[in-house]
Protein backbone atom coordinates (compact mmCIF):
# COMPACT_ATOMS: atom_id res chain seq x y z
CA MET A 1 75.41 95.33 154.74
CA LYS A 2 78.95 93.99 154.40
CA PRO A 3 79.54 90.81 156.46
CA ILE A 4 81.75 91.02 159.55
CA ARG A 5 84.89 88.93 159.09
CA ILE A 6 85.88 86.47 161.83
CA PHE A 7 89.33 84.87 161.93
CA ILE A 8 89.14 81.39 163.51
CA SER A 9 92.54 80.37 164.84
CA SER A 10 94.42 77.81 166.94
CA VAL A 11 97.72 76.00 166.90
CA GLN A 12 98.02 74.62 163.34
CA GLN A 13 97.09 70.97 164.03
CA GLU A 14 95.20 71.50 167.25
CA PHE A 15 91.45 71.90 166.71
CA ALA A 16 91.78 71.72 162.90
CA LYS A 17 88.54 69.76 162.66
CA GLU A 18 86.74 72.08 165.08
CA ARG A 19 87.88 75.23 163.22
CA LYS A 20 86.54 73.85 159.95
CA LEU A 21 83.26 72.75 161.55
CA LEU A 22 82.77 76.16 163.16
CA ALA A 23 83.55 78.03 159.93
CA ASP A 24 81.18 75.79 157.96
CA TYR A 25 78.44 76.20 160.57
CA ILE A 26 78.64 80.00 160.50
CA ARG A 27 78.77 80.05 156.71
CA GLN A 28 75.78 77.69 156.28
CA ASP A 29 73.56 79.05 159.06
CA ALA A 30 70.71 81.11 157.61
CA LEU A 31 71.10 83.95 160.13
CA LEU A 32 74.83 83.90 160.93
CA GLY A 33 75.76 83.52 157.26
CA GLN A 34 74.07 86.85 156.52
CA PHE A 35 76.17 88.79 159.00
CA PHE A 36 79.49 86.96 159.30
CA GLU A 37 82.21 85.74 156.95
CA THR A 38 84.83 83.36 158.31
CA PHE A 39 88.54 83.13 157.58
CA ILE A 40 90.57 80.06 158.44
CA PHE A 41 94.16 79.73 157.34
CA GLU A 42 93.65 76.30 155.72
CA LYS A 43 91.21 77.77 153.21
CA THR A 44 93.80 80.11 151.68
CA SER A 45 96.23 79.57 148.87
CA ALA A 46 99.75 80.58 149.90
CA LYS A 47 101.60 79.42 146.80
CA ASP A 48 103.37 82.69 146.07
CA LYS A 49 103.45 84.13 149.61
CA SER A 50 105.00 83.03 152.88
CA ALA A 51 102.66 81.42 155.41
CA GLN A 52 103.39 84.26 157.84
CA LYS A 53 102.40 86.89 155.25
CA VAL A 54 99.11 85.12 154.41
CA TYR A 55 98.34 84.73 158.13
CA SER A 56 99.12 88.41 158.84
CA GLU A 57 97.00 89.59 155.90
CA GLY A 58 94.11 87.44 157.10
CA VAL A 59 94.32 88.85 160.62
CA ASN A 60 94.52 92.42 159.33
CA ARG A 61 91.27 92.03 157.35
CA VAL A 62 89.04 90.82 160.19
CA ILE A 63 87.10 92.46 163.01
CA PHE A 64 87.02 89.50 165.41
CA ILE A 65 89.61 86.83 166.16
CA LEU A 66 88.28 83.63 167.68
CA ASP A 67 91.22 81.66 169.10
CA CYS A 68 90.61 78.02 170.07
CA LEU A 69 92.76 77.03 173.05
CA ALA A 70 93.22 73.90 175.12
CA PRO A 71 94.72 73.52 178.58
CA ASN A 72 98.34 72.39 178.73
CA MET A 73 98.14 68.70 179.63
CA GLU A 74 101.86 68.19 180.34
């Protein structure tokens, strides 16, 4: 069975550590790692493409988008 791709997203600097931890957890977990493949923008190489194009391509190749949000504290 082909793994289901999950895009883990948030504002670029916000939750950067949490996105990486979540992606690593899913990838390393014996059960979740069998069924899911994670995509986080930081793990891509965008040398010859615009950041927007890489982001859009990543979103277009996934089934689920997990967006990490925080309340506005202003």
